[in-house]
């Protein structure tokens, strides 16, 4: 399990294309503003006419989401979080300091005025499994670091106790001839499908579970998340009639994915099971779909991919299957 999480933290599978960073930031903030306390203001200062970067848009969205969520969790209302982008030309000395090649970069900064961190904590925040949160797994920033490094970029943190934190990410700008293949005018942004059903999320990574909970809650769903197989099973035992869909990660401590799927089928035969994994494990996906799962999504997934997969699974439920079928 440790080897898999570390491999995921180094970036995973990528589908690079020309990406507009401002567009990704706007998309993430549309979702986060729905669940962020109104006393925490999200301010954007986005550079104009920025060059593209060549990157996997889903992975970069994961990085932006993680940085913004951390800033929100560190902030006490009333407060302000500033998200900015700018082009920077890194010359030899500055590039060497950041351990980058000299050249054109796009810099993303997320600044909060929260509790801040001391020097010792700042030096450890990118370590896998290190977390300042009581329930944290410590993989969020480790994964962000791996993704940024896999894109030939860099990430740095500056913080002081009581003085807030600034997270900065540098990503190399694409050559001038690069064209945004995926870019769309802001007015044509597609609204993700919404719903009101109850979704049970079973994921061993607390940070991932909370992020999914934020995403689906912002889309109208009632979301319950568990990181332990036995806790999830106990919840299903007493709330099976209310569960409309289960989103299940392949790796759950103390329980194989096959056994977890069987527990769900026994207790919630009416609820479709959607699989998730940080690895493109087609053999496992195929085996579990043959046993009754309805589909899968690869991590890190974008809000749109997850929203469409959830909505599709719910809309395609057989009408004849209801909670009365539970035996």
Foldseek 3Di string as FASTA:
>chain_A
DVVQLLVLLQAFDWDWAWDDPVVLLVVLVVLLVLPQPPLEAEAEAEDPPAFTFTTRSLLVSLLSNLLVVVQSVQDDGNWYKYKYKDKDFADDVRCVVQVADGGIKIKIKIWTQGQWDDPVCQVPLLPQQDDPDPPARSSSNSSSQSNLVVQRKGWHKDTDGSGTIMIMIIGHGDPPVGDHPPDDPPVPDDDAAADAAEEEEEALGPVVQVSVVSLRVSRNYHYDYDNALVVSLVCLQVCLQRHAEYEYEQDHPPDGNQRSLVSCCQRHVQYAYEYEYQHPPVVVQVVVVVVGHDYYDYPPGDSRVVRVVVVVRNVPGPPVRHNVPRD
